[in-house]
Every structure is written in structure tokens, then in C-alpha cells.
């Protein structure tokens, strides 16, 4: 599986009418920042998808801070951006990889074949003085057929089952959040029982995803065919670990979409801390 495209390759393909570039820039805690950045400048021809309006559903009692979007709504978002099943989609963010990773994961979830993340994101693109634009783009409405891949997603019951069966859980958050030393966002601190901490940012070097061999080394204690569920705070920053595992050849990986913020919404669920 190849999830990434280089800025040089994308530059060569900018005029390809079958490519749709999607700006996914976002700042947690400042939900208007990404759109403002897009309006200032973006890759030529890019459309903007907002994490909380188009790539997530409404927050409810359960489901976490960034629930998966309603599939019909997401289908309409794709169609409105001129994306069909045959469109090549390139997602980018500021270079973090997590917001573009959310779109990449969602596209794979609905069965899209060709979708990529711009390695290095807008940061590397602009640093190379590649072309940018401040003009918004609109495309003719398309049709889109959804083919859900439910093997990609886990819910709270799946996580409980994984704990009971001693299957692997990977917590992608910063180590101090995993340990419960600090918790700047969620109402409770700590991690899901049995989870192993693999900080998502360790999958990058200077804003680029590490190579396959380096990702394999990060997850060397796991078997490539064993069931693995990855999670984070709300299902966003776990996507780079999901992608890294798939790039490294792991075959049975799921994303706990609601993640820790969903887990703690059930008061009976246990939490582990460093104490």
C-alpha cells in the first residue's frame, strides 16, 4: 500500500483533471484557522474540507469528540467537490499528517481506490516556492457509490472484546497523556487497559512519514497478522499510526473511531494511569 505522494510528483500532475486536491488544514482549539489559511493561499485547484463540519459528525453522548460523519453526508461532500469513485484524491494539511490522514482514512473506509497524502504538507510545498493560489475552486457535481469497509473500524464493544481476548491496543497520544500525568482536553486522564503507547509523531522525520523499514522497527513487538486496534483522543491523530502500520505490512488493523473520548463516556469503563 502506498499512501503518500511527493510534492515533486504532485507538481507534475497539477493539470490532471482527474486529480482533486483537498486542503484539510485545521487547528484543534481554533476551528476557523484552517479555513482562514486556505483563503489566504492554498495549492492551485484545491477545495477545503473542514475537520469538524465535513470530516466529522455532530458530537453526542457517545462517539467521541470527532465522531465519524454520517456516511450520506460524507458522500454528498465528495460529490459536491466533484469527486467520483475514479477521481484521484490528494489530501494535505500543514504537514502534521493527522488531518489529511483523517480524509485518507475516510476515503478508504468508503471504498475509494486512489487517494494519497501530500508528504510534508503545505509547509514543504510552500517552502519549495511551488505555486499557490487564493482563488476558491468549484467543480461539477458528481455521483459517488459507497462501498463501506467495516473491517477498518472498531467501536467500544470491539475494544472491550480486544481487552478480554488479550489482543493488541495501541494508544497514539503523547506519553504524558497516556500515563494520565496531564490531560488538556478530555474529562478523564489515563489510558484504556492493556494499551501500549506508540506516540503518533514518532512516525515522522522532519515532517515526512518514515520509510517502511523504520515503521516496521517502531512496531517490531507486534506480529503482522495479529489483530491491532489503534486509538488516540478522538480518532484523528491515531490515523498516522494506522497508516504507518498498513505501510509496514500489518494486515489486521482497525481504528477505534471514537477513541479515548468515547471510551470515557461510558462510566463503567476502566482507565489506567501511571499511579
C-alpha atoms as a PDB file:
ATOM      1  CA  UNK A   1       0.000   0.000   0.000  1.00  0.00           C
ATOM      2  CA  UNK A   2       1.282   3.433  -0.914  1.00  0.00           C
ATOM      3  CA  UNK A   3      -0.429   6.267   0.938  1.00  0.00           C
ATOM      4  CA  UNK A   4       1.840   9.176   0.045  1.00  0.00           C
ATOM      5  CA  UNK A   5       2.711  11.391  -2.881  1.00  0.00           C
ATOM      6  CA  UNK A   6       5.734  13.669  -3.070  1.00  0.00           C
ATOM      7  CA  UNK A   7       5.435  17.378  -3.764  1.00  0.00           C
ATOM      8  CA  UNK A   8       7.515  16.939  -6.910  1.00  0.00           C
ATOM      9  CA  UNK A   9       5.188  14.268  -8.294  1.00  0.00           C
ATOM     10  CA  UNK A  10       2.092  16.310  -7.492  1.00  0.00           C
ATOM     11  CA  UNK A  11       3.608  19.396  -9.123  1.00  0.00           C
ATOM     12  CA  UNK A  12       3.947  17.435 -12.363  1.00  0.00           C
ATOM     13  CA  UNK A  13       0.279  16.391 -12.175  1.00  0.00           C
ATOM     14  CA  UNK A  14      -1.347  19.719 -11.246  1.00  0.00           C
ATOM     15  CA  UNK A  15      -3.049  19.999 -14.627  1.00  0.00           C
ATOM     16  CA  UNK A  16      -4.515  16.494 -14.451  1.00  0.00           C
ATOM     17  CA  UNK A  17      -8.289  16.981 -14.452  1.00  0.00           C
ATOM     18  CA  UNK A  18      -8.813  13.631 -12.755  1.00  0.00           C
ATOM     19  CA  UNK A  19      -6.961  14.769  -9.628  1.00  0.00           C
ATOM     20  CA  UNK A  20      -8.791  16.543  -6.829  1.00  0.00           C
ATOM     21  CA  UNK A  21      -6.640  18.232  -4.188  1.00  0.00           C
ATOM     22  CA  UNK A  22      -8.231  18.716  -0.762  1.00  0.00           C
ATOM     23  CA  UNK A  23      -6.908  21.150   1.827  1.00  0.00           C
ATOM     24  CA  UNK A  24      -7.505  19.665   5.299  1.00  0.00           C
ATOM     25  CA  UNK A  25      -5.610  22.171   7.414  1.00  0.00           C
ATOM     26  CA  UNK A  26      -7.052  22.594  10.899  1.00  0.00           C
ATOM     27  CA  UNK A  27      -6.061  23.648  14.400  1.00  0.00           C
ATOM     28  CA  UNK A  28      -7.576  21.917  17.403  1.00  0.00           C
ATOM     29  CA  UNK A  29      -8.957  24.612  19.672  1.00  0.00           C
ATOM     30  CA  UNK A  30      -9.118  27.144  16.828  1.00  0.00           C
ATOM     31  CA  UNK A  31     -11.617  25.658  14.357  1.00  0.00           C
ATOM     32  CA  UNK A  32     -11.634  28.647  11.995  1.00  0.00           C
ATOM     33  CA  UNK A  33      -7.866  28.750  11.474  1.00  0.00           C
ATOM     34  CA  UNK A  34      -7.690  26.153   8.704  1.00  0.00           C
ATOM     35  CA  UNK A  35     -10.283  27.838   6.521  1.00  0.00           C
ATOM     36  CA  UNK A  36      -8.551  31.186   7.041  1.00  0.00           C
ATOM     37  CA  UNK A  37      -5.272  29.627   5.901  1.00  0.00           C
ATOM     38  CA  UNK A  38      -6.994  28.178   2.851  1.00  0.00           C
ATOM     39  CA  UNK A  39      -8.494  31.544   1.945  1.00  0.00           C
ATOM     40  CA  UNK A  40      -5.080  33.188   2.244  1.00  0.00           C
ATOM     41  CA  UNK A  41      -3.363  30.683  -0.047  1.00  0.00           C
ATOM     42  CA  UNK A  42      -3.552  27.024  -0.963  1.00  0.00           C
ATOM     43  CA  UNK A  43      -2.494  24.595  -3.648  1.00  0.00           C
ATOM     44  CA  UNK A  44      -3.932  25.535  -7.053  1.00  0.00           C
ATOM     45  CA  UNK A  45      -7.338  23.990  -7.641  1.00  0.00           C
ATOM     46  CA  UNK A  46      -7.718  22.751  -4.070  1.00  0.00           C
ATOM     47  CA  UNK A  47     -11.040  22.599  -2.253  1.00  0.00           C
ATOM     48  CA  UNK A  48     -11.312  22.854   1.525  1.00  0.00           C
ATOM     49  CA  UNK A  49     -12.786  20.208   3.843  1.00  0.00           C
ATOM     50  CA  UNK A  50     -13.358  21.263   7.457  1.00  0.00           C
ATOM     51  CA  UNK A  51     -12.492  18.633  10.077  1.00  0.00           C
ATOM     52  CA  UNK A  52     -15.488  19.304  12.306  1.00  0.00           C
ATOM     53  CA  UNK A  53     -18.058  20.162   9.625  1.00  0.00           C
ATOM     54  CA  UNK A  54     -17.318  17.737   6.800  1.00  0.00           C
ATOM     55  CA  UNK A  55     -14.962  15.116   8.184  1.00  0.00           C
ATOM     56  CA  UNK A  56     -16.803  14.567  11.493  1.00  0.00           C
ATOM     57  CA  UNK A  57     -20.372  14.182  12.648  1.00  0.00           C
ATOM     58  CA  UNK A  58     -22.230  16.019  15.422  1.00  0.00           C
ATOM     59  CA  UNK A  59     -20.941  15.377  18.943  1.00  0.00           C
ATOM     60  CA  UNK A  60     -23.335  13.300  21.041  1.00  0.00           C
ATOM     61  CA  UNK A  61     -23.281  11.478  24.384  1.00  0.00           C
ATOM     62  CA  UNK A  62     -21.137   8.742  22.874  1.00  0.00           C
ATOM     63  CA  UNK A  63     -18.925   8.598  19.806  1.00  0.00           C
ATOM     64  CA  UNK A  64     -16.128  10.848  20.996  1.00  0.00           C
ATOM     65  CA  UNK A  65     -15.120  14.414  20.245  1.00  0.00           C
ATOM     66  CA  UNK A  66     -14.866  13.828  16.493  1.00  0.00           C
ATOM     67  CA  UNK A  67     -17.425  11.156  15.585  1.00  0.00           C
ATOM     68  CA  UNK A  68     -17.330   9.718  12.101  1.00  0.00           C
ATOM     69  CA  UNK A  69     -19.521  11.729   9.731  1.00  0.00           C
ATOM     70  CA  UNK A  70     -22.847  10.396   8.607  1.00  0.00           C
ATOM     71  CA  UNK A  71     -21.933   8.410   5.504  1.00  0.00           C
ATOM     72  CA  UNK A  72     -24.629  10.016   3.358  1.00  0.00           C
ATOM     73  CA  UNK A  73     -23.369  13.459   4.397  1.00  0.00           C
ATOM     74  CA  UNK A  74     -19.792  12.473   3.570  1.00  0.00           C
ATOM     75  CA  UNK A  75     -20.928  11.105   0.205  1.00  0.00           C
ATOM     76  CA  UNK A  76     -22.591  14.465  -0.509  1.00  0.00           C
ATOM     77  CA  UNK A  77     -19.386  16.270   0.470  1.00  0.00           C
ATOM     78  CA  UNK A  78     -17.419  14.217  -2.039  1.00  0.00           C
ATOM     79  CA  UNK A  79     -19.984  14.669  -4.776  1.00  0.00           C
ATOM     80  CA  UNK A  80     -20.135  18.417  -4.159  1.00  0.00           C
ATOM     81  CA  UNK A  81     -16.377  18.639  -4.630  1.00  0.00           C
ATOM     82  CA  UNK A  82     -16.566  16.837  -7.957  1.00  0.00           C
ATOM     83  CA  UNK A  83     -15.106  13.620  -6.564  1.00  0.00           C
ATOM     84  CA  UNK A  84     -16.268  10.368  -8.148  1.00  0.00           C
ATOM     85  CA  UNK A  85     -15.079   6.833  -7.444  1.00  0.00           C
ATOM     86  CA  UNK A  86     -12.499   7.203 -10.222  1.00  0.00           C
ATOM     87  CA  UNK A  87     -11.069  10.541  -9.039  1.00  0.00           C
ATOM     88  CA  UNK A  88      -7.518  10.571  -7.707  1.00  0.00           C
ATOM     89  CA  UNK A  89      -7.679  12.442  -4.385  1.00  0.00           C
ATOM     90  CA  UNK A  90      -4.667  14.127  -2.790  1.00  0.00           C
ATOM     91  CA  UNK A  91      -5.162  15.364   0.785  1.00  0.00           C
ATOM     92  CA  UNK A  92      -2.833  17.740   2.565  1.00  0.00           C
ATOM     93  CA  UNK A  93      -2.593  19.591   5.851  1.00  0.00           C
ATOM     94  CA  UNK A  94       0.143  21.721   7.379  1.00  0.00           C
ATOM     95  CA  UNK A  95       2.480  18.745   7.407  1.00  0.00           C
ATOM     96  CA  UNK A  96       1.201  17.115  10.599  1.00  0.00           C
ATOM     97  CA  UNK A  97      -0.306  14.264   8.611  1.00  0.00           C
ATOM     98  CA  UNK A  98      -3.200  13.705  11.009  1.00  0.00           C
ATOM     99  CA  UNK A  99      -5.860  15.911   9.410  1.00  0.00           C
ATOM    100  CA  UNK A 100      -5.024  14.767   5.891  1.00  0.00           C
ATOM    101  CA  UNK A 101      -4.847  11.279   7.379  1.00  0.00           C
ATOM    102  CA  UNK A 102      -8.445  11.608   8.557  1.00  0.00           C
ATOM    103  CA  UNK A 103      -9.628  12.236   4.992  1.00  0.00           C
ATOM    104  CA  UNK A 104      -7.418   9.453   3.639  1.00  0.00           C
ATOM    105  CA  UNK A 105      -8.856   7.014   6.209  1.00  0.00           C
ATOM    106  CA  UNK A 106     -12.445   8.063   5.480  1.00  0.00           C
ATOM    107  CA  UNK A 107     -11.914   7.622   1.747  1.00  0.00           C
ATOM    108  CA  UNK A 108     -10.526   4.136   2.250  1.00  0.00           C
ATOM    109  CA  UNK A 109     -13.431   3.424   4.607  1.00  0.00           C
ATOM    110  CA  UNK A 110     -15.973   4.230   1.873  1.00  0.00           C
ATOM    111  CA  UNK A 111     -14.031   2.154  -0.641  1.00  0.00           C
ATOM    112  CA  UNK A 112     -12.072   4.776  -2.574  1.00  0.00           C
ATOM    113  CA  UNK A 113      -9.219   3.303  -4.581  1.00  0.00           C
ATOM    114  CA  UNK A 114      -6.783   6.118  -5.317  1.00  0.00           C
ATOM    115  CA  UNK A 115      -6.145   8.574  -2.509  1.00  0.00           C
ATOM    116  CA  UNK A 116      -2.879   9.963  -1.205  1.00  0.00           C
ATOM    117  CA  UNK A 117      -1.436  12.274   1.427  1.00  0.00           C
ATOM    118  CA  UNK A 118       0.948  15.009   0.304  1.00  0.00           C
ATOM    119  CA  UNK A 119       4.122  14.140   2.195  1.00  0.00           C
ATOM    120  CA  UNK A 120       5.366  17.227   4.031  1.00  0.00           C
ATOM    121  CA  UNK A 121       2.058  19.007   3.503  1.00  0.00           C
ATOM    122  CA  UNK A 122       1.634  22.675   2.731  1.00  0.00           C
ATOM    123  CA  UNK A 123       4.729  23.532   4.766  1.00  0.00           C
ATOM    124  CA  UNK A 124       7.094  21.751   2.386  1.00  0.00           C
ATOM    125  CA  UNK A 125       5.128  22.791  -0.684  1.00  0.00           C
ATOM    126  CA  UNK A 126       5.392  26.486   0.156  1.00  0.00           C
ATOM    127  CA  UNK A 127       8.998  26.177   1.341  1.00  0.00           C
ATOM    128  CA  UNK A 128       9.850  24.935  -2.163  1.00  0.00           C
ATOM    129  CA  UNK A 129       8.181  28.043  -3.677  1.00  0.00           C
ATOM    130  CA  UNK A 130       5.754  25.821  -5.560  1.00  0.00           C
ATOM    131  CA  UNK A 131       2.642  27.591  -6.925  1.00  0.00           C
ATOM    132  CA  UNK A 132      -0.186  28.626  -4.620  1.00  0.00           C
ATOM    133  CA  UNK A 133      -3.495  30.359  -5.176  1.00  0.00           C
ATOM    134  CA  UNK A 134      -6.056  32.331  -3.179  1.00  0.00           C
ATOM    135  CA  UNK A 135      -8.908  31.545  -5.557  1.00  0.00           C
ATOM    136  CA  UNK A 136     -11.618  29.179  -4.364  1.00  0.00           C
ATOM    137  CA  UNK A 137     -12.391  26.299  -6.698  1.00  0.00           C
ATOM    138  CA  UNK A 138     -15.737  24.735  -7.593  1.00  0.00           C
ATOM    139  CA  UNK A 139     -16.371  21.598  -9.620  1.00  0.00           C
ATOM    140  CA  UNK A 140     -19.410  19.988 -11.276  1.00  0.00           C
ATOM    141  CA  UNK A 141     -21.444  17.672  -9.081  1.00  0.00           C
ATOM    142  CA  UNK A 142     -20.589  14.001  -9.481  1.00  0.00           C
ATOM    143  CA  UNK A 143     -22.072  10.702  -8.425  1.00  0.00           C
ATOM    144  CA  UNK A 144     -20.410   8.545  -5.811  1.00  0.00           C
ATOM    145  CA  UNK A 145     -21.052   4.933  -4.828  1.00  0.00           C
ATOM    146  CA  UNK A 146     -20.108   3.946  -1.278  1.00  0.00           C
ATOM    147  CA  UNK A 147     -18.650   0.518  -0.502  1.00  0.00           C
ATOM    148  CA  UNK A 148     -18.084   0.500   3.247  1.00  0.00           C
ATOM    149  CA  UNK A 149     -15.057  -1.378   4.554  1.00  0.00           C
ATOM    150  CA  UNK A 150     -16.217  -2.193   8.074  1.00  0.00           C
ATOM    151  CA  UNK A 151     -13.033  -4.161   8.751  1.00  0.00           C
ATOM    152  CA  UNK A 152     -11.254  -0.793   9.154  1.00  0.00           C
ATOM    153  CA  UNK A 153     -13.237   0.461  12.149  1.00  0.00           C
ATOM    154  CA  UNK A 154     -13.677  -0.615  15.766  1.00  0.00           C
ATOM    155  CA  UNK A 155     -16.234   0.526  18.302  1.00  0.00           C
ATOM    156  CA  UNK A 156     -16.283   0.431  22.084  1.00  0.00           C
ATOM    157  CA  UNK A 157     -17.579  -3.157  22.182  1.00  0.00           C
ATOM    158  CA  UNK A 158     -14.714  -4.246  19.920  1.00  0.00           C
ATOM    159  CA  UNK A 159     -12.236  -2.663  22.318  1.00  0.00           C
ATOM    160  CA  UNK A 160     -13.772  -4.417  25.294  1.00  0.00           C
ATOM    161  CA  UNK A 161     -13.503  -7.672  23.364  1.00  0.00           C
ATOM    162  CA  UNK A 162      -9.874  -6.965  22.485  1.00  0.00           C
ATOM    163  CA  UNK A 163      -9.067  -6.456  26.173  1.00  0.00           C
ATOM    164  CA  UNK A 164     -10.821  -9.687  27.136  1.00  0.00           C
ATOM    165  CA  UNK A 165      -9.051 -11.661  24.399  1.00  0.00           C
ATOM    166  CA  UNK A 166      -5.673 -10.014  25.031  1.00  0.00           C
ATOM    167  CA  UNK A 167      -5.489  -8.523  21.550  1.00  0.00           C
ATOM    168  CA  UNK A 168      -3.276  -5.516  20.939  1.00  0.00           C
ATOM    169  CA  UNK A 169      -4.373  -1.943  21.588  1.00  0.00           C
ATOM    170  CA  UNK A 170      -2.154   0.982  20.591  1.00  0.00           C
ATOM    171  CA  UNK A 171      -2.577   4.387  22.243  1.00  0.00           C
ATOM    172  CA  UNK A 172      -1.229   7.023  19.855  1.00  0.00           C
ATOM    173  CA  UNK A 173      -1.229  10.018  22.196  1.00  0.00           C
ATOM    174  CA  UNK A 174       1.644  11.829  23.868  1.00  0.00           C
ATOM    175  CA  UNK A 175       3.162   9.700  26.637  1.00  0.00           C
ATOM    176  CA  UNK A 176       2.135  12.038  29.474  1.00  0.00           C
ATOM    177  CA  UNK A 177      -1.480  11.833  28.352  1.00  0.00           C
ATOM    178  CA  UNK A 178      -1.227   8.061  28.058  1.00  0.00           C
ATOM    179  CA  UNK A 179       0.140   7.885  31.619  1.00  0.00           C
ATOM    180  CA  UNK A 180      -2.514  10.270  32.914  1.00  0.00           C
ATOM    181  CA  UNK A 181       0.082  12.781  34.090  1.00  0.00           C
ATOM    182  CA  UNK A 182      -1.682  15.540  32.141  1.00  0.00           C
ATOM    183  CA  UNK A 183      -4.952  15.717  30.256  1.00  0.00           C
ATOM    184  CA  UNK A 184      -5.553  19.037  28.486  1.00  0.00           C
ATOM    185  CA  UNK A 185      -8.668  18.043  26.538  1.00  0.00           C
ATOM    186  CA  UNK A 186     -10.701  15.142  27.868  1.00  0.00           C
ATOM    187  CA  UNK A 187     -12.601  14.947  31.144  1.00  0.00           C
ATOM    188  CA  UNK A 188     -10.631  11.981  32.470  1.00  0.00           C
ATOM    189  CA  UNK A 189      -6.934  11.128  32.333  1.00  0.00           C
ATOM    190  CA  UNK A 190      -5.152   7.847  31.646  1.00  0.00           C
ATOM    191  CA  UNK A 191      -5.471   5.119  29.039  1.00  0.00           C
ATOM    192  CA  UNK A 192      -7.532   2.096  28.101  1.00  0.00           C
ATOM    193  CA  UNK A 193      -6.436  -1.067  29.967  1.00  0.00           C
ATOM    194  CA  UNK A 194      -3.744  -3.172  28.214  1.00  0.00           C
ATOM    195  CA  UNK A 195      -2.968  -0.432  25.670  1.00  0.00           C
ATOM    196  CA  UNK A 196       0.647   0.110  24.585  1.00  0.00           C
ATOM    197  CA  UNK A 197       1.839   3.642  23.907  1.00  0.00           C
ATOM    198  CA  UNK A 198       3.192   4.402  20.421  1.00  0.00           C
ATOM    199  CA  UNK A 199       3.240   8.190  20.041  1.00  0.00           C
ATOM    200  CA  UNK A 200       1.984   9.099  16.573  1.00  0.00           C
ATOM    201  CA  UNK A 201       4.574  11.825  15.975  1.00  0.00           C
ATOM    202  CA  UNK A 202       7.348   9.231  16.200  1.00  0.00           C
ATOM    203  CA  UNK A 203       6.253   8.055  12.756  1.00  0.00           C
ATOM    204  CA  UNK A 204       7.682  11.219  11.204  1.00  0.00           C
ATOM    205  CA  UNK A 205      11.111  12.680  10.499  1.00  0.00           C
ATOM    206  CA  UNK A 206      11.193  16.409   9.742  1.00  0.00           C
ATOM    207  CA  UNK A 207       7.523  16.443   8.757  1.00  0.00           C
ATOM    208  CA  UNK A 208       7.680  13.406   6.477  1.00  0.00           C
ATOM    209  CA  UNK A 209       6.439   9.894   7.140  1.00  0.00           C
ATOM    210  CA  UNK A 210       9.246   7.490   7.944  1.00  0.00           C
ATOM    211  CA  UNK A 211      10.107   4.770   5.454  1.00  0.00           C
ATOM    212  CA  UNK A 212       8.594   1.290   5.659  1.00  0.00           C
ATOM    213  CA  UNK A 213      11.605  -0.266   7.409  1.00  0.00           C
ATOM    214  CA  UNK A 214      11.562   2.428  10.093  1.00  0.00           C
ATOM    215  CA  UNK A 215       7.835   1.934  10.663  1.00  0.00           C
ATOM    216  CA  UNK A 216       8.385  -1.821  10.943  1.00  0.00           C
ATOM    217  CA  UNK A 217      11.004  -1.154  13.622  1.00  0.00           C
ATOM    218  CA  UNK A 218       8.550   1.044  15.568  1.00  0.00           C
ATOM    219  CA  UNK A 219       6.061  -1.822  15.780  1.00  0.00           C
ATOM    220  CA  UNK A 220       8.541  -4.700  15.980  1.00  0.00           C
ATOM    221  CA  UNK A 221       6.888  -6.277  19.032  1.00  0.00           C
ATOM    222  CA  UNK A 222       3.669  -6.946  17.093  1.00  0.00           C
ATOM    223  CA  UNK A 223       3.001  -9.735  14.611  1.00  0.00           C
ATOM    224  CA  UNK A 224       1.919  -8.547  11.193  1.00  0.00           C
ATOM    225  CA  UNK A 225      -1.196 -10.718  11.096  1.00  0.00           C
ATOM    226  CA  UNK A 226      -2.409 -10.152  14.654  1.00  0.00           C
ATOM    227  CA  UNK A 227      -5.491  -8.010  15.374  1.00  0.00           C
ATOM    228  CA  UNK A 228      -4.496  -4.454  16.324  1.00  0.00           C
ATOM    229  CA  UNK A 229      -6.758  -1.554  17.300  1.00  0.00           C
ATOM    230  CA  UNK A 230      -5.293   1.952  17.304  1.00  0.00           C
ATOM    231  CA  UNK A 231      -6.777   4.927  19.119  1.00  0.00           C
ATOM    232  CA  UNK A 232      -5.953   8.427  20.323  1.00  0.00           C
ATOM    233  CA  UNK A 233      -8.069  11.122  21.953  1.00  0.00           C
ATOM    234  CA  UNK A 234     -10.766  11.435  19.314  1.00  0.00           C
ATOM    235  CA  UNK A 235      -9.715   9.336  16.324  1.00  0.00           C
ATOM    236  CA  UNK A 236      -7.673  11.962  14.465  1.00  0.00           C
ATOM    237  CA  UNK A 237      -4.028  11.568  15.488  1.00  0.00           C
ATOM    238  CA  UNK A 238      -4.369   7.773  15.514  1.00  0.00           C
ATOM    239  CA  UNK A 239      -4.726   7.794  11.725  1.00  0.00           C
ATOM    240  CA  UNK A 240      -0.971   8.303  11.104  1.00  0.00           C
ATOM    241  CA  UNK A 241      -0.290   5.206  13.218  1.00  0.00           C
ATOM    242  CA  UNK A 242      -2.983   3.313  11.311  1.00  0.00           C
ATOM    243  CA  UNK A 243      -1.364   4.328   8.034  1.00  0.00           C
ATOM    244  CA  UNK A 244       2.132   3.539   9.325  1.00  0.00           C
ATOM    245  CA  UNK A 245       1.041   0.046  10.341  1.00  0.00           C
ATOM    246  CA  UNK A 246      -0.546  -0.605   6.957  1.00  0.00           C
ATOM    247  CA  UNK A 247       2.509   0.772   5.156  1.00  0.00           C
ATOM    248  CA  UNK A 248       4.657  -1.573   7.243  1.00  0.00           C
ATOM    249  CA  UNK A 249       2.624  -4.568   6.100  1.00  0.00           C
ATOM    250  CA  UNK A 250       0.266  -5.166   9.036  1.00  0.00           C
ATOM    251  CA  UNK A 251      -2.898  -6.774   7.734  1.00  0.00           C
ATOM    252  CA  UNK A 252      -5.443  -6.677  10.573  1.00  0.00           C
ATOM    253  CA  UNK A 253      -5.574  -3.077  11.783  1.00  0.00           C
ATOM    254  CA  UNK A 254      -8.630  -1.154  12.935  1.00  0.00           C
ATOM    255  CA  UNK A 255      -9.170   2.421  14.085  1.00  0.00           C
ATOM    256  CA  UNK A 256     -11.206   2.937  17.241  1.00  0.00           C
ATOM    257  CA  UNK A 257     -13.036   5.877  15.735  1.00  0.00           C
ATOM    258  CA  UNK A 258     -14.404   7.306  18.985  1.00  0.00           C
ATOM    259  CA  UNK A 259     -11.098   6.655  20.766  1.00  0.00           C
ATOM    260  CA  UNK A 260     -10.425   7.642  24.390  1.00  0.00           C
ATOM    261  CA  UNK A 261     -13.072  10.375  24.415  1.00  0.00           C
ATOM    262  CA  UNK A 262     -15.692   7.744  23.547  1.00  0.00           C
ATOM    263  CA  UNK A 263     -14.286   5.181  25.997  1.00  0.00           C
ATOM    264  CA  UNK A 264     -14.598   7.542  28.957  1.00  0.00           C
ATOM    265  CA  UNK A 265     -18.180   8.454  28.013  1.00  0.00           C
ATOM    266  CA  UNK A 266     -19.154   5.069  29.485  1.00  0.00           C
ATOM    267  CA  UNK A 267     -18.670   5.440  33.276  1.00  0.00           C
ATOM    268  CA  UNK A 268     -18.272   1.690  33.768  1.00  0.00           C
ATOM    269  CA  UNK A 269     -15.176   1.525  31.537  1.00  0.00           C
ATOM    270  CA  UNK A 270     -11.924   1.234  33.447  1.00  0.00           C
ATOM    271  CA  UNK A 271      -8.997   3.632  32.990  1.00  0.00           C
ATOM    272  CA  UNK A 272      -5.331   3.020  33.816  1.00  0.00           C
ATOM    273  CA  UNK A 273      -2.920   5.738  34.997  1.00  0.00           C
ATOM    274  CA  UNK A 274       0.744   5.812  35.982  1.00  0.00           C
ATOM    275  CA  UNK A 275      -0.300   5.650  39.637  1.00  0.00           C
END
